[in-house]
Amino acid sequence: MNQTSRRAAIQVGITAILAVALLLFGIVWVKEYRLGQRKMYFTAHFEEVGNLAVGDPVSVRGVRKGAVSKVVLEDTGVRVEFEVDRDVKLHPDARLRVSNIGFMGEKFLALEPGEAPGAYDRSKPLPGRFQSGVPEVISGAGDLLTEATELSSRLNLMLDALDPATIERAAKNMERASSSLSKTLTANQDDLRAAVLDFRAAGRDLRSIASENKGEVTTSVKDFGVASRKLSTLADQLAVTATALDRVVARVDSSQGSLGKAIADPELYNEMREAVRNTNDLVKDIKKNPKRYLKIGLF
């Protein structure tokens, strides 16, 4: 190989090396890699992310500190994996939300590190929420406009179905009713004013009576409370007495005790009647012949 060919090969090699270096520099610049900068990886769970994509930035208090690395749709929502610089300190009350950049609604993750003492457990997913942007608002306005258009169409159909004569009669009736009401109020204006004044005077009199008899009303309320408590005590005592009577009647019905046995035994009942009859005969005989039973001697 001659000297010219060797020089050309060296130039081609240097050019290739410079091209590779420029390519690597471009990749680093586009991805915003930092030499020697280590990353921390977190997982977040959202109900909705609004077209958040891999590579969207992660901002901490307005400063870009990472990027979204994965977005996975799950049955219960969306799992988002992202990375942040290791110098970011997350506390247990850290929060995350999907926010919007600019009018077109480009998405990014807004990370709030929190202030609670301690460090966030990276094994647990961060709770995330979705913040509606301009596109979502415009979409909602479009739905509202569609519903308003449908309502207007239905109102037009209803008005077309109504008879113009009926509407005219209803308007005239309302006009006559309004005119009659106005005339009635005008004719009875004095009576209405007098009624209002009487009602106001009655209110003042009632307030005055209540103020003058405040002590008597308070005493009556207290007496009523005492009487209510006494009545409650009496009711309790009557309940106890009724319970005792129930027990006595139950024992009598079951032939327990002397009284129950006497009532339940017919033979003893007949003997008692016979004794009472004999006693009555004896009393009658004593009254009729007292000398037979009383003897008086003189010494």
Protein backbone atom coordinates (compact mmCIF):
# COMPACT_ATOMS: atom_id res chain seq x y z
CA MET A 1 0.00 0.00 0.00
CA ASN A 2 1.50 3.33 -1.04
CA GLN A 3 1.56 6.46 1.11
CA THR A 4 -1.44 8.04 -0.62
CA SER A 5 -3.65 5.05 0.00
CA ARG A 6 -2.55 4.89 3.65
CA ARG A 7 -3.37 8.57 4.14
CA ALA A 8 -6.83 8.09 2.61
CA ALA A 9 -7.53 5.10 4.86
CA ILE A 10 -6.52 7.11 7.92
CA GLN A 11 -8.80 9.98 6.87
CA VAL A 12 -11.70 7.58 6.34
CA GLY A 13 -11.11 6.01 9.76
CA ILE A 14 -10.98 9.39 11.49
CA THR A 15 -14.12 10.47 9.68
CA ALA A 16 -15.94 7.29 10.77
CA ILE A 17 -14.84 7.75 14.37
CA LEU A 18 -16.03 11.37 14.36
CA ALA A 19 -19.36 10.30 12.84
CA VAL A 20 -19.89 7.67 15.55
CA ALA A 21 -18.95 10.19 18.22
CA LEU A 22 -21.38 12.74 16.83
CA LEU A 23 -24.09 10.08 16.67
CA LEU A 24 -23.54 9.13 20.31
CA PHE A 25 -23.50 12.78 21.32
CA GLY A 26 -26.77 13.36 19.48
CA ILE A 27 -28.41 10.39 21.18
CA VAL A 28 -27.20 11.59 24.58
CA TRP A 29 -28.45 15.11 23.86
CA VAL A 30 -31.86 13.94 22.61
CA LYS A 31 -32.36 11.54 25.55
CA GLU A 32 -30.89 14.11 27.95
CA TYR A 33 -28.56 11.57 29.51
CA ARG A 34 -26.07 12.81 32.03
CA LEU A 35 -22.70 11.18 32.37
CA GLY A 36 -22.33 9.57 35.76
CA GLN A 37 -25.97 10.29 36.65
CA ARG A 38 -27.72 7.27 38.20
CA LYS A 39 -31.47 6.80 38.07
CA MET A 40 -34.15 5.59 40.46
CA TYR A 41 -37.12 3.65 39.14
CA PHE A 42 -40.68 3.92 40.45
CA THR A 43 -44.09 2.50 39.60
CA ALA A 44 -47.38 4.42 39.67
CA HIS A 45 -51.02 3.39 39.26
CA PHE A 46 -53.61 5.53 37.44
CA GLU A 47 -57.25 5.13 36.53
CA GLU A 48 -56.55 7.03 33.29
CA VAL A 49 -53.44 8.61 31.73
CA GLY A 50 -54.84 10.50 28.72
CA ASN A 51 -52.45 9.26 25.99
CA LEU A 52 -49.34 9.45 28.17
CA ALA A 53 -46.51 7.78 26.22
CA VAL A 54 -43.07 6.34 26.80
CA GLY A 55 -40.43 9.10 26.84
CA ASP A 56 -42.75 11.81 28.19
CA PRO A 57 -40.92 13.90 30.81
CA VAL A 58 -41.17 13.67 34.58
CA SER A 59 -41.11 17.09 36.22
CA VAL A 60 -40.32 17.77 39.88
CA ARG A 61 -41.54 21.24 40.89
CA GLY A 62 -41.18 22.44 37.31
CA VAL A 63 -37.72 20.92 36.75
CA ARG A 64 -37.31 17.97 34.40
CA LYS A 65 -35.82 15.11 36.39
CA GLY A 66 -36.75 11.95 34.50
CA ALA A 67 -38.90 10.26 31.89
CA VAL A 68 -41.62 7.67 31.46
CA SER A 69 -40.15 4.25 30.68
CA LYS A 70 -43.25 2.04 30.37
CA VAL A 71 -47.06 2.36 30.16
CA VAL A 72 -49.06 -0.86 30.72
CA LEU A 73 -52.86 -1.23 30.56
CA GLU A 74 -54.29 -3.42 33.36
CA ASP A 75 -57.74 -4.60 34.41
CA THR A 76 -57.97 -2.09 37.25
CA GLY A 77 -56.27 0.86 35.55
CA VAL A 78 -52.90 1.79 34.06
CA ARG A 79 -49.47 0.96 35.45
CA VAL A 80 -46.81 3.55 34.65
CA GLU A 81 -43.11 2.95 35.24
CA PHE A 82 -40.79 5.97 35.25
CA GLU A 83 -37.28 6.97 36.22
CA VAL A 84 -35.99 10.04 38.05
CA ASP A 85 -32.56 11.31 39.00
CA ARG A 86 -31.13 9.91 42.21
CA ASP A 87 -30.81 13.39 43.74
CA VAL A 88 -34.62 13.59 43.96
CA LYS A 89 -35.76 12.72 47.49
CA LEU A 90 -39.30 11.32 47.73
CA HIS A 91 -41.10 11.37 51.09
CA PRO A 92 -43.98 9.10 52.28
CA ASP A 93 -46.60 11.71 51.23
CA ALA A 94 -45.28 12.03 47.65
CA ARG A 95 -47.96 12.51 44.97
CA LEU A 96 -48.05 12.11 41.19
CA ARG A 97 -50.37 13.43 38.49
CA VAL A 98 -50.63 13.50 34.72
CA SER A 99 -50.51 17.15 33.63
CA ASN A 100 -50.56 19.00 30.31
CA ILE A 101 -48.01 21.16 28.50
CA GLY A 102 -49.25 23.95 26.26
CA PHE A 103 -52.49 24.39 24.40
CA MET A 104 -52.23 21.11 22.48
CA GLY A 105 -52.19 19.13 25.72
CA GLU A 106 -48.83 17.33 25.57
CA LYS A 107 -48.60 15.09 28.63
CA PHE A 108 -45.99 14.86 31.37
CA LEU A 109 -45.79 13.49 34.92
CA ALA A 110 -45.80 16.13 37.66
CA LEU A 111 -44.10 14.64 40.71
CA GLU A 112 -44.56 16.28 44.14
CA PRO A 113 -41.88 14.92 46.53
CA GLY A 114 -43.89 15.63 49.72
CA GLU A 115 -42.70 16.87 53.11
CA ALA A 116 -43.40 14.06 55.62
CA PRO A 117 -40.34 12.71 57.46
CA GLY A 118 -38.76 9.57 56.04
CA ALA A 119 -38.30 8.15 52.54
CA TYR A 120 -40.89 6.69 50.19
CA ASP A 121 -40.99 2.90 49.93
CA ARG A 122 -40.14 2.21 46.28
CA SER A 123 -41.70 -1.26 46.49
CA LYS A 124 -45.15 0.36 46.64
CA PRO A 125 -46.73 2.03 43.59
CA LEU A 126 -47.30 5.76 43.79
CA PRO A 127 -50.99 6.81 43.74
CA GLY A 128 -51.55 8.86 40.62
CA ARG A 129 -54.39 11.02 39.36
CA PHE A 130 -55.28 12.40 35.95
CA GLN A 131 -55.62 16.15 35.44
CA SER A 132 -57.88 17.13 32.57
CA GLY A 133 -56.37 19.44 29.98
CA VAL A 134 -57.57 21.55 27.09
CA PRO A 135 -58.37 18.57 24.80
CA GLU A 136 -60.51 16.92 27.50
CA VAL A 137 -62.33 20.21 28.15
CA ILE A 138 -62.97 20.70 24.42
CA SER A 139 -64.21 17.12 24.15
CA GLY A 140 -66.60 17.68 27.07
CA ALA A 141 -67.82 20.92 25.50
CA GLY A 142 -68.49 19.04 22.27
CA ASP A 143 -70.62 16.50 24.11
CA LEU A 144 -72.50 19.31 25.85
CA LEU A 145 -73.10 21.05 22.51
CA THR A 146 -74.44 17.81 21.04
CA GLU A 147 -76.87 17.37 23.94
CA ALA A 148 -77.99 21.01 23.64
CA THR A 149 -78.63 20.50 19.93
CA GLU A 150 -80.72 17.40 20.63
CA LEU A 151 -82.71 19.28 23.29
CA SER A 152 -83.35 22.15 20.88
CA SER A 153 -84.57 19.71 18.24
CA ARG A 154 -86.97 18.08 20.68
CA LEU A 155 -88.31 21.49 21.75
CA ASN A 156 -88.89 22.42 18.11
CA LEU A 157 -90.77 19.16 17.52
CA MET A 158 -92.92 19.77 20.61
CA LEU A 159 -93.71 23.34 19.54
CA ASP A 160 -94.58 22.17 16.03
CA ALA A 161 -96.96 19.59 17.48
CA LEU A 162 -98.84 22.21 19.50
CA ASP A 163 -101.86 24.01 18.04
CA PRO A 164 -101.14 27.74 17.58
CA ALA A 165 -104.71 28.53 18.59
CA THR A 166 -104.25 26.64 21.84
CA ILE A 167 -101.07 28.56 22.60
CA GLU A 168 -102.83 31.84 21.85
CA ARG A 169 -105.76 30.96 24.14
CA ALA A 170 -103.36 29.97 26.92
CA ALA A 171 -101.51 33.28 26.55
CA LYS A 172 -104.76 35.24 26.70
CA ASN A 173 -105.92 33.31 29.77
CA MET A 174 -102.64 34.03 31.52
CA GLU A 175 -102.95 37.70 30.62
CA ARG A 176 -106.50 37.86 32.00
CA ALA A 177 -105.45 36.01 35.19
CA SER A 178 -102.55 38.43 35.69
CA SER A 179 -104.85 41.40 35.14
CA SER A 180 -107.41 40.04 37.62
CA LEU A 181 -104.76 39.42 40.22
CA SER A 182 -103.39 42.92 39.79
CA LYS A 183 -106.86 44.43 40.18
CA THR A 184 -107.58 42.33 43.27
CA LEU A 185 -104.32 43.41 44.91
CA THR A 186 -105.02 47.05 44.06
CA ALA A 187 -108.58 46.88 45.43
CA ASN A 188 -107.52 45.19 48.68
CA GLN A 189 -104.26 47.04 49.16
CA ASP A 190 -105.47 48.76 52.33
CA ASP A 191 -106.81 45.51 53.80
CA LEU A 192 -103.54 43.72 53.04
CA ARG A 193 -101.54 46.53 54.65
CA ALA A 194 -103.81 46.41 57.72
CA ALA A 195 -103.43 42.62 57.96
CA VAL A 196 -99.66 42.92 57.81
CA LEU A 197 -99.70 45.61 60.51
CA ASP A 198 -101.99 43.49 62.71
CA PHE A 199 -99.75 40.48 62.28
CA ARG A 200 -96.71 42.57 63.22
CA ALA A 201 -98.50 43.96 66.29
CA ALA A 202 -99.55 40.47 67.35
CA GLY A 203 -95.94 39.36 67.08
CA ARG A 204 -94.80 42.26 69.27
CA ASP A 205 -97.52 41.50 71.86
CA LEU A 206 -96.56 37.83 71.94
CA ARG A 207 -92.90 38.74 72.42
CA SER A 208 -93.84 41.16 75.21
CA ILE A 209 -95.99 38.56 76.99
CA ALA A 210 -93.23 36.00 76.74
CA SER A 211 -90.70 38.47 78.17
CA GLU A 212 -92.95 39.55 81.07
CA ASN A 213 -93.89 35.99 82.05
CA LYS A 214 -90.52 34.43 81.46
CA GLY A 215 -90.13 33.47 85.12
CA GLU A 216 -93.59 31.89 85.38
CA VAL A 217 -93.07 29.96 82.14
CA THR A 218 -89.71 28.66 83.39
CA THR A 219 -91.27 27.64 86.74
CA SER A 220 -94.15 25.87 85.00
CA VAL A 221 -91.76 23.98 82.78
CA LYS A 222 -89.71 22.91 85.82
CA ASP A 223 -92.88 21.84 87.72
CA PHE A 224 -94.02 19.88 84.72
CA GLY A 225 -90.66 18.14 84.63
CA VAL A 226 -90.88 17.24 88.35
CA ALA A 227 -94.44 15.95 87.92
CA SER A 228 -93.35 13.92 84.91
CA ARG A 229 -90.54 12.30 86.93
CA LYS A 230 -92.93 11.53 89.84
CA LEU A 231 -95.43 10.02 87.41
CA SER A 232 -92.68 7.87 85.95
CA THR A 233 -91.72 6.65 89.48
CA LEU A 234 -95.37 5.88 90.27
CA ALA A 235 -95.70 3.94 87.02
CA ASP A 236 -92.64 1.88 87.97
CA GLN A 237 -94.12 1.12 91.41
CA LEU A 238 -97.45 0.12 89.88
CA ALA A 239 -95.62 -2.18 87.49
CA VAL A 240 -93.88 -3.87 90.44
CA THR A 241 -97.21 -4.21 92.29
CA ALA A 242 -98.89 -5.67 89.21
CA THR A 243 -96.08 -8.21 88.89
CA ALA A 244 -96.52 -9.25 92.53
CA LEU A 245 -100.29 -9.60 92.10
CA ASP A 246 -99.71 -11.73 89.02
CA ARG A 247 -97.53 -14.06 91.07
CA VAL A 248 -100.17 -14.31 93.86
CA VAL A 249 -102.97 -15.02 91.40
CA ALA A 250 -100.82 -17.62 89.67
CA ARG A 251 -100.17 -19.38 93.02
CA VAL A 252 -103.88 -19.30 93.87
CA ASP A 253 -104.77 -20.70 90.43
CA SER A 254 -102.22 -23.48 90.87
CA SER A 255 -103.61 -24.32 94.40
CA GLN A 256 -100.42 -23.23 96.13
CA GLY A 257 -100.60 -21.82 99.68
CA SER A 258 -103.45 -21.98 102.20
CA LEU A 259 -105.75 -19.73 100.23
CA GLY A 260 -105.19 -21.64 97.02
CA LYS A 261 -105.79 -24.99 98.70
CA ALA A 262 -108.92 -23.69 100.42
CA ILE A 263 -110.35 -22.41 97.16
CA ALA A 264 -109.42 -25.55 95.26
CA ASP A 265 -110.78 -28.02 97.96
CA PRO A 266 -114.64 -28.23 97.77
CA GLU A 267 -114.90 -30.34 100.95
CA LEU A 268 -113.08 -27.72 103.01
CA TYR A 269 -115.34 -25.10 101.50
CA ASN A 270 -118.48 -27.01 102.60
CA GLU A 271 -117.09 -27.49 106.09
CA MET A 272 -116.40 -23.78 106.36
CA ARG A 273 -119.99 -23.03 105.31
CA GLU A 274 -121.31 -25.50 107.90
CA ALA A 275 -119.15 -23.91 110.63
CA VAL A 276 -120.41 -20.46 109.75
CA ARG A 277 -124.02 -21.68 109.80
CA ASN A 278 -123.53 -23.33 113.23
CA THR A 279 -121.95 -20.16 114.56
CA ASN A 280 -124.91 -18.13 113.38
CA ASP A 281 -127.32 -20.55 115.09
CA LEU A 282 -125.29 -20.39 118.30
CA VAL A 283 -125.37 -16.60 118.33
CA LYS A 284 -129.12 -16.59 117.78
CA ASP A 285 -129.65 -19.09 120.60
CA ILE A 286 -127.46 -17.05 122.98
CA LYS A 287 -129.50 -13.96 122.20
CA LYS A 288 -132.74 -15.89 122.74
CA ASN A 289 -131.75 -17.81 125.91
CA PRO A 290 -128.88 -15.96 127.55
CA LYS A 291 -129.52 -17.61 130.95
CA ARG A 292 -128.74 -20.97 129.50
CA TYR A 293 -125.19 -19.90 128.94
CA LEU A 294 -124.62 -17.26 131.63
CA LYS A 295 -124.92 -18.15 135.34
CA ILE A 296 -124.51 -15.43 138.01
CA GLY A 297 -123.96 -16.40 141.68
CA LEU A 298 -124.00 -14.19 144.79
CA PHE A 299 -121.73 -14.90 147.64
